[in-house]
PDB file of N, CA and C in Angstrom:
ATOM      1  N   MET A   1    -131.633 -97.820 185.870  1.00  0.00           N
ATOM      2  CA  MET A   1    -131.793 -99.251 185.697  1.00  0.00           C
ATOM      3  C   MET A   1    -132.611 -99.802 186.866  1.00  0.00           C
ATOM      4  N   PRO A   2    -133.533-100.685 186.585  1.00  0.00           N
ATOM      5  CA  PRO A   2    -134.333-101.258 187.669  1.00  0.00           C
ATOM      6  C   PRO A   2    -133.518-102.226 188.526  1.00  0.00           C
ATOM      7  N   THR A   3    -133.980-102.397 189.732  1.00  0.00           N
ATOM      8  CA  THR A   3    -133.349-103.308 190.681  1.00  0.00           C
ATOM      9  C   THR A   3    -134.400-104.271 191.201  1.00  0.00           C
ATOM     10  N   ILE A   4    -134.043-105.542 191.259  1.00  0.00           N
ATOM     11  CA  ILE A   4    -134.907-106.548 191.861  1.00  0.00           C
ATOM     12  C   ILE A   4    -134.374-106.801 193.263  1.00  0.00           C
ATOM     13  N   VAL A   5    -135.237-106.616 194.260  1.00  0.00           N
ATOM     14  CA  VAL A   5    -134.861-106.805 195.653  1.00  0.00           C
ATOM     15  C   VAL A   5    -135.419-108.139 196.132  1.00  0.00           C
ATOM     16  N   VAL A   6    -134.543-108.951 196.723  1.00  0.00           N
ATOM     17  CA  VAL A   6    -134.924-110.267 197.249  1.00  0.00           C
ATOM     18  C   VAL A   6    -134.646-110.260 198.751  1.00  0.00           C
ATOM     19  N   ASP A   7    -135.674-110.554 199.543  1.00  0.00           N
ATOM     20  CA  ASP A   7    -135.526-110.650 200.998  1.00  0.00           C
ATOM     21  C   ASP A   7    -135.619-112.111 201.415  1.00  0.00           C
ATOM     22  N   VAL A   8    -134.640-112.552 202.204  1.00  0.00           N
ATOM     23  CA  VAL A   8    -134.569-113.931 202.675  1.00  0.00           C
ATOM     24  C   VAL A   8    -134.522-113.900 204.203  1.00  0.00           C
ATOM     25  N   MET A   9    -135.344-114.721 204.838  1.00  0.00           N
ATOM     26  CA  MET A   9    -135.390-114.784 206.295  1.00  0.00           C
ATOM     27  C   MET A   9    -135.235-116.228 206.768  1.00  0.00           C
ATOM     28  N   PRO A  10    -134.735-116.412 207.994  1.00  0.00           N
ATOM     29  CA  PRO A  10    -134.701-117.765 208.543  1.00  0.00           C
ATOM     30  C   PRO A  10    -136.127-118.297 208.681  1.00  0.00           C
ATOM     31  N   LYS A  11    -136.289-119.594 208.510  1.00  0.00           N
ATOM     32  CA  LYS A  11    -137.618-120.189 208.696  1.00  0.00           C
ATOM     33  C   LYS A  11    -138.108-119.870 210.105  1.00  0.00           C
ATOM     34  N   ALA A  12    -139.402-119.626 210.224  1.00  0.00           N
ATOM     35  CA  ALA A  12    -139.991-119.190 211.493  1.00  0.00           C
ATOM     36  C   ALA A  12    -139.766-120.203 212.614  1.00  0.00           C
ATOM     37  N   GLU A  13    -139.722-121.481 212.277  1.00  0.00           N
ATOM     38  CA  GLU A  13    -139.589-122.503 213.315  1.00  0.00           C
ATOM     39  C   GLU A  13    -138.148-122.715 213.788  1.00  0.00           C
ATOM     40  N   LEU A  14    -137.186-122.035 213.172  1.00  0.00           N
ATOM     41  CA  LEU A  14    -135.786-122.194 213.552  1.00  0.00           C
ATOM     42  C   LEU A  14    -135.324-121.052 214.452  1.00  0.00           C
ATOM     43  N   LEU A  15    -134.392-121.366 215.337  1.00  0.00           N
ATOM     44  CA  LEU A  15    -133.792-120.366 216.195  1.00  0.00           C
ATOM     45  C   LEU A  15    -132.964-119.400 215.345  1.00  0.00           C
ATOM     46  N   ASP A  16    -133.053-118.127 215.648  1.00  0.00           N
ATOM     47  CA  ASP A  16    -132.265-117.100 214.977  1.00  0.00           C
ATOM     48  C   ASP A  16    -131.292-116.524 216.002  1.00  0.00           C
ATOM     49  N   PRO A  17    -130.068-117.080 216.094  1.00  0.00           N
ATOM     50  CA  PRO A  17    -129.141-116.634 217.135  1.00  0.00           C
ATOM     51  C   PRO A  17    -128.761-115.155 217.036  1.00  0.00           C
ATOM     52  N   GLN A  18    -128.631-114.621 215.824  1.00  0.00           N
ATOM     53  CA  GLN A  18    -128.325-113.193 215.691  1.00  0.00           C
ATOM     54  C   GLN A  18    -129.485-112.348 216.203  1.00  0.00           C
ATOM     55  N   GLY A  19    -130.686-112.727 215.837  1.00  0.00           N
ATOM     56  CA  GLY A  19    -131.867-112.005 216.316  1.00  0.00           C
ATOM     57  C   GLY A  19    -131.984-112.071 217.823  1.00  0.00           C
ATOM     58  N   LYS A  20    -131.687-113.245 218.390  1.00  0.00           N
ATOM     59  CA  LYS A  20    -131.737-113.418 219.839  1.00  0.00           C
ATOM     60  C   LYS A  20    -130.706-112.507 220.526  1.00  0.00           C
ATOM     61  N   ALA A  21    -129.516-112.386 219.946  1.00  0.00           N
ATOM     62  CA  ALA A  21    -128.475-111.519 220.510  1.00  0.00           C
ATOM     63  C   ALA A  21    -128.906-110.053 220.482  1.00  0.00           C
ATOM     64  N   VAL A  22    -129.491-109.616 219.372  1.00  0.00           N
ATOM     65  CA  VAL A  22    -129.962-108.235 219.274  1.00  0.00           C
ATOM     66  C   VAL A  22    -131.101-107.998 220.257  1.00  0.00           C
ATOM     67  N   SER A  23    -132.005-108.961 220.380  1.00  0.00           N
ATOM     68  CA  SER A  23    -133.114-108.836 221.319  1.00  0.00           C
ATOM     69  C   SER A  23    -132.594-108.681 222.751  1.00  0.00           C
ATOM     70  N   GLY A  24    -131.580-109.487 223.099  1.00  0.00           N
ATOM     71  CA  GLY A  24    -130.988-109.376 224.429  1.00  0.00           C
ATOM     72  C   GLY A  24    -130.325-108.028 224.642  1.00  0.00           C
ATOM     73  N   ALA A  25    -129.653-107.506 223.622  1.00  0.00           N
ATOM     74  CA  ALA A  25    -129.005-106.200 223.721  1.00  0.00           C
ATOM     75  C   ALA A  25    -130.040-105.098 223.925  1.00  0.00           C
ATOM     76  N   LEU A  26    -131.160-105.190 223.222  1.00  0.00           N
ATOM     77  CA  LEU A  26    -132.215-104.180 223.392  1.00  0.00           C
ATOM     78  C   LEU A  26    -132.726-104.184 224.826  1.00  0.00           C
ATOM     79  N   THR A  27    -132.910-105.385 225.375  1.00  0.00           N
ATOM     80  CA  THR A  27    -133.378-105.496 226.754  1.00  0.00           C
ATOM     81  C   THR A  27    -132.363-104.885 227.720  1.00  0.00           C
ATOM     82  N   ARG A  28    -131.080-105.209 227.521  1.00  0.00           N
ATOM     83  CA  ARG A  28    -130.041-104.671 228.397  1.00  0.00           C
ATOM     84  C   ARG A  28    -129.938-103.146 228.301  1.00  0.00           C
ATOM     85  N   LEU A  29    -130.236-102.597 227.143  1.00  0.00           N
ATOM     86  CA  LEU A  29    -130.188-101.147 226.960  1.00  0.00           C
ATOM     87  C   LEU A  29    -131.448-100.442 227.442  1.00  0.00           C
ATOM     88  N   GLY A  30    -132.426-101.221 227.886  1.00  0.00           N
ATOM     89  CA  GLY A  30    -133.657-100.639 228.395  1.00  0.00           C
ATOM     90  C   GLY A  30    -134.641-100.240 227.315  1.00  0.00           C
ATOM     91  N   VAL A  31    -134.464-100.752 226.103  1.00  0.00           N
ATOM     92  CA  VAL A  31    -135.386-100.447 225.007  1.00  0.00           C
ATOM     93  C   VAL A  31    -136.592-101.369 225.136  1.00  0.00           C
ATOM     94  N   ALA A  32    -137.776-100.805 225.258  1.00  0.00           N
ATOM     95  CA  ALA A  32    -138.983-101.591 225.459  1.00  0.00           C
ATOM     96  C   ALA A  32    -139.832-101.610 224.188  1.00  0.00           C
ATOM     97  N   GLY A  33    -140.737-102.561 224.124  1.00  0.00           N
ATOM     98  CA  GLY A  33    -141.717-102.600 223.051  1.00  0.00           C
ATOM     99  C   GLY A  33    -141.386-103.544 221.905  1.00  0.00           C
ATOM    100  N   PHE A  34    -140.256-104.230 221.984  1.00  0.00           N
ATOM    101  CA  PHE A  34    -139.888-105.186 220.942  1.00  0.00           C
ATOM    102  C   PHE A  34    -139.886-106.577 221.550  1.00  0.00           C
ATOM    103  N   SER A  35    -140.785-107.433 221.082  1.00  0.00           N
ATOM    104  CA  SER A  35    -140.891-108.758 221.682  1.00  0.00           C
ATOM    105  C   SER A  35    -140.019-109.799 220.982  1.00  0.00           C
ATOM    106  N   ASP A  36    -139.602-109.537 219.748  1.00  0.00           N
ATOM    107  CA  ASP A  36    -138.799-110.508 219.015  1.00  0.00           C
ATOM    108  C   ASP A  36    -138.028-109.785 217.918  1.00  0.00           C
ATOM    109  N   VAL A  37    -136.843-110.279 217.625  1.00  0.00           N
ATOM    110  CA  VAL A  37    -136.027-109.742 216.535  1.00  0.00           C
ATOM    111  C   VAL A  37    -135.604-110.916 215.659  1.00  0.00           C
ATOM    112  N   ARG A  38    -135.772-110.782 214.353  1.00  0.00           N
ATOM    113  CA  ARG A  38    -135.309-111.786 213.397  1.00  0.00           C
ATOM    114  C   ARG A  38    -134.440-111.047 212.382  1.00  0.00           C
ATOM    115  N   ILE A  39    -133.319-111.650 212.037  1.00  0.00           N
ATOM    116  CA  ILE A  39    -132.385-111.022 211.113  1.00  0.00           C
ATOM    117  C   ILE A  39    -132.306-111.849 209.851  1.00  0.00           C
ATOM    118  N   GLY A  40    -132.445-111.184 208.710  1.00  0.00           N
ATOM    119  CA  GLY A  40    -132.409-111.868 207.425  1.00  0.00           C
ATOM    120  C   GLY A  40    -131.385-111.240 206.492  1.00  0.00           C
ATOM    121  N   LYS A  41    -131.560-111.521 205.224  1.00  0.00           N
ATOM    122  CA  LYS A  41    -130.654-111.011 204.198  1.00  0.00           C
ATOM    123  C   LYS A  41    -131.461-110.293 203.121  1.00  0.00           C
ATOM    124  N   ARG A  42    -130.846-109.276 202.532  1.00  0.00           N
ATOM    125  CA  ARG A  42    -131.454-108.534 201.430  1.00  0.00           C
ATOM    126  C   ARG A  42    -130.453-108.531 200.283  1.00  0.00           C
ATOM    127  N   PHE A  43    -130.935-108.916 199.109  1.00  0.00           N
ATOM    128  CA  PHE A  43    -130.115-108.918 197.904  1.00  0.00           C
ATOM    129  C   PHE A  43    -130.703-107.913 196.934  1.00  0.00           C
ATOM    130  N   GLU A  44    -129.856-107.126 196.276  1.00  0.00           N
ATOM    131  CA  GLU A  44    -130.296-106.188 195.250  1.00  0.00           C
ATOM    132  C   GLU A  44    -129.634-106.577 193.942  1.00  0.00           C
ATOM    133  N   LEU A  45    -130.453-106.949 192.978  1.00  0.00           N
ATOM    134  CA  LEU A  45    -129.977-107.383 191.669  1.00  0.00           C
ATOM    135  C   LEU A  45    -130.319-106.312 190.645  1.00  0.00           C
ATOM    136  N   THR A  46    -129.334-105.606 190.140  1.00  0.00           N
ATOM    137  CA  THR A  46    -129.572-104.589 189.116  1.00  0.00           C
ATOM    138  C   THR A  46    -129.695-105.285 187.771  1.00  0.00           C
ATOM    139  N   VAL A  47    -130.754-104.957 187.046  1.00  0.00           N
ATOM    140  CA  VAL A  47    -131.047-105.629 185.777  1.00  0.00           C
ATOM    141  C   VAL A  47    -131.228-104.601 184.665  1.00  0.00           C
ATOM    142  N   ASP A  48    -131.093-105.060 183.430  1.00  0.00           N
ATOM    143  CA  ASP A  48    -131.298-104.173 182.285  1.00  0.00           C
ATOM    144  C   ASP A  48    -132.765-103.802 182.127  1.00  0.00           C
ATOM    145  N   ARG A  49    -133.629-104.775 182.358  1.00  0.00           N
ATOM    146  CA  ARG A  49    -135.075-104.533 182.306  1.00  0.00           C
ATOM    147  C   ARG A  49    -135.766-105.507 183.247  1.00  0.00           C
ATOM    148  N   ALA A  50    -136.890-105.109 183.763  1.00  0.00           N
ATOM    149  CA  ALA A  50    -137.614-105.916 184.734  1.00  0.00           C
ATOM    150  C   ALA A  50    -138.881-106.479 184.117  1.00  0.00           C
ATOM    151  N   ASP A  51    -138.720-107.265 183.068  1.00  0.00           N
ATOM    152  CA  ASP A  51    -139.882-107.894 182.444  1.00  0.00           C
ATOM    153  C   ASP A  51    -140.204-109.205 183.165  1.00  0.00           C
ATOM    154  N   ASP A  52    -141.259-109.881 182.732  1.00  0.00           N
ATOM    155  CA  ASP A  52    -141.696-111.115 183.390  1.00  0.00           C
ATOM    156  C   ASP A  52    -140.621-112.195 183.360  1.00  0.00           C
ATOM    157  N   ALA A  53    -139.887-112.316 182.256  1.00  0.00           N
ATOM    158  CA  ALA A  53    -138.850-113.346 182.144  1.00  0.00           C
ATOM    159  C   ALA A  53    -137.711-113.079 183.132  1.00  0.00           C
ATOM    160  N   THR A  54    -137.317-111.833 183.262  1.00  0.00           N
ATOM    161  CA  THR A  54    -136.245-111.482 184.194  1.00  0.00           C
ATOM    162  C   THR A  54    -136.683-111.719 185.632  1.00  0.00           C
ATOM    163  N   LEU A  55    -137.928-111.374 185.943  1.00  0.00           N
ATOM    164  CA  LEU A  55    -138.443-111.588 187.287  1.00  0.00           C
ATOM    165  C   LEU A  55    -138.508-113.079 187.610  1.00  0.00           C
ATOM    166  N   GLU A  56    -138.905-113.889 186.652  1.00  0.00           N
ATOM    167  CA  GLU A  56    -138.947-115.335 186.856  1.00  0.00           C
ATOM    168  C   GLU A  56    -137.537-115.894 187.069  1.00  0.00           C
ATOM    169  N   THR A  57    -136.572-115.391 186.329  1.00  0.00           N
ATOM    170  CA  THR A  57    -135.176-115.802 186.528  1.00  0.00           C
ATOM    171  C   THR A  57    -134.711-115.410 187.923  1.00  0.00           C
ATOM    172  N   ALA A  58    -135.068-114.223 188.380  1.00  0.00           N
ATOM    173  CA  ALA A  58    -134.703-113.778 189.727  1.00  0.00           C
ATOM    174  C   ALA A  58    -135.320-114.683 190.780  1.00  0.00           C
ATOM    175  N   ARG A  59    -136.563-115.111 190.569  1.00  0.00           N
ATOM    176  CA  ARG A  59    -137.206-116.048 191.508  1.00  0.00           C
ATOM    177  C   ARG A  59    -136.433-117.363 191.578  1.00  0.00           C
ATOM    178  N   ARG A  60    -136.018-117.865 190.412  1.00  0.00           N
ATOM    179  CA  ARG A  60    -135.258-119.113 190.371  1.00  0.00           C
ATOM    180  C   ARG A  60    -133.908-118.948 191.073  1.00  0.00           C
ATOM    181  N   ILE A  61    -133.230-117.830 190.810  1.00  0.00           N
ATOM    182  CA  ILE A  61    -131.947-117.550 191.464  1.00  0.00           C
ATOM    183  C   ILE A  61    -132.141-117.456 192.978  1.00  0.00           C
ATOM    184  N   ALA A  62    -133.203-116.797 193.406  1.00  0.00           N
ATOM    185  CA  ALA A  62    -133.472-116.649 194.842  1.00  0.00           C
ATOM    186  C   ALA A  62    -133.662-118.010 195.501  1.00  0.00           C
ATOM    187  N   ASP A  63    -134.399-118.890 194.850  1.00  0.00           N
ATOM    188  CA  ASP A  63    -134.661-120.215 195.409  1.00  0.00           C
ATOM    189  C   ASP A  63    -133.442-121.128 195.364  1.00  0.00           C
ATOM    190  N   GLU A  64    -132.650-121.028 194.306  1.00  0.00           N
ATOM    191  CA  GLU A  64    -131.561-121.989 194.103  1.00  0.00           C
ATOM    192  C   GLU A  64    -130.201-121.505 194.606  1.00  0.00           C
ATOM    193  N   ILE A  65    -129.969-120.191 194.633  1.00  0.00           N
ATOM    194  CA  ILE A  65    -128.636-119.689 194.949  1.00  0.00           C
ATOM    195  C   ILE A  65    -128.631-118.778 196.181  1.00  0.00           C
ATOM    196  N   LEU A  66    -129.559-117.849 196.258  1.00  0.00           N
ATOM    197  CA  LEU A  66    -129.508-116.837 197.303  1.00  0.00           C
ATOM    198  C   LEU A  66    -130.004-117.327 198.654  1.00  0.00           C
ATOM    199  N   SER A  67    -130.768-118.409 198.671  1.00  0.00           N
ATOM    200  CA  SER A  67    -131.301-118.913 199.934  1.00  0.00           C
ATOM    201  C   SER A  67    -130.984-120.397 200.087  1.00  0.00           C
ATOM    202  N   ASN A  68    -130.943-120.816 201.325  1.00  0.00           N
ATOM    203  CA  ASN A  68    -130.800-122.230 201.652  1.00  0.00           C
ATOM    204  C   ASN A  68    -132.186-122.717 202.057  1.00  0.00           C
ATOM    205  N   SER A  69    -132.842-123.461 201.187  1.00  0.00           N
ATOM    206  CA  SER A  69    -134.244-123.831 201.402  1.00  0.00           C
ATOM    207  C   SER A  69    -134.469-124.694 202.636  1.00  0.00           C
ATOM    208  N   VAL A  70    -133.419-125.267 203.197  1.00  0.00           N
ATOM    209  CA  VAL A  70    -133.559-126.070 204.408  1.00  0.00           C
ATOM    210  C   VAL A  70    -133.816-125.178 205.615  1.00  0.00           C
ATOM    211  N   ILE A  71    -133.176-124.012 205.656  1.00  0.00           N
ATOM    212  CA  ILE A  71    -133.276-123.162 206.847  1.00  0.00           C
ATOM    213  C   ILE A  71    -133.814-121.757 206.576  1.00  0.00           C
ATOM    214  N   GLU A  72    -134.044-121.415 205.298  1.00  0.00           N
ATOM    215  CA  GLU A  72    -134.475-120.055 204.967  1.00  0.00           C
ATOM    216  C   GLU A  72    -135.662-120.062 204.013  1.00  0.00           C
ATOM    217  N   ASP A  73    -136.419-118.979 204.060  1.00  0.00           N
ATOM    218  CA  ASP A  73    -137.527-118.744 203.127  1.00  0.00           C
ATOM    219  C   ASP A  73    -137.268-117.452 202.359  1.00  0.00           C
ATOM    220  N   VAL A  74    -137.577-117.455 201.074  1.00  0.00           N
ATOM    221  CA  VAL A  74    -137.598-116.222 200.293  1.00  0.00           C
ATOM    222  C   VAL A  74    -138.953-115.581 200.613  1.00  0.00           C
ATOM    223  N   VAL A  75    -138.933-114.439 201.278  1.00  0.00           N
ATOM    224  CA  VAL A  75    -140.182-113.847 201.736  1.00  0.00           C
ATOM    225  C   VAL A  75    -140.700-112.723 200.858  1.00  0.00           C
ATOM    226  N   ASN A  76    -139.828-112.177 200.000  1.00  0.00           N
ATOM    227  CA  ASN A  76    -140.274-111.084 199.145  1.00  0.00           C
ATOM    228  C   ASN A  76    -139.335-110.933 197.958  1.00  0.00           C
ATOM    229  N   ILE A  77    -139.934-110.723 196.809  1.00  0.00           N
ATOM    230  CA  ILE A  77    -139.196-110.350 195.596  1.00  0.00           C
ATOM    231  C   ILE A  77    -139.970-109.205 194.966  1.00  0.00           C
ATOM    232  N   GLU A  78    -139.296-108.065 194.790  1.00  0.00           N
ATOM    233  CA  GLU A  78    -139.984-106.919 194.206  1.00  0.00           C
ATOM    234  C   GLU A  78    -139.049-106.114 193.316  1.00  0.00           C
ATOM    235  N   VAL A  79    -139.628-105.384 192.410  1.00  0.00           N
ATOM    236  CA  VAL A  79    -138.867-104.521 191.524  1.00  0.00           C
ATOM    237  C   VAL A  79    -138.962-103.096 192.051  1.00  0.00           C
ATOM    238  N   VAL A  80    -137.801-102.452 192.180  1.00  0.00           N
ATOM    239  CA  VAL A  80    -137.773-101.031 192.552  1.00  0.00           C
ATOM    240  C   VAL A  80    -137.060-100.291 191.433  1.00  0.00           C
ATOM    241  N   GLU A  81    -137.561 -99.158 191.098  1.00  0.00           N
ATOM    242  CA  GLU A  81    -136.973 -98.371 189.996  1.00  0.00           C
ATOM    243  C   GLU A  81    -135.941 -97.406 190.513  1.00  0.00           C
TER     244      GLU A  81
END
């Protein structure tokens, strides 16, 4: 069965406290080469078929239910088999 994957991230202009905490931990552990960390959400929706209508419904669900449009952006919607 196909799966529709939806990735949601905090808006770029907003502070990401979880990302900031991970970034600080990397610095304390001596891990170099990472200038910023942002943490988002990934949703996997298993569907019977991944036709255009189902994908459009997934887009609507992502915008209306899976993300908070005030503080988050839906950055990717894709079908994986």
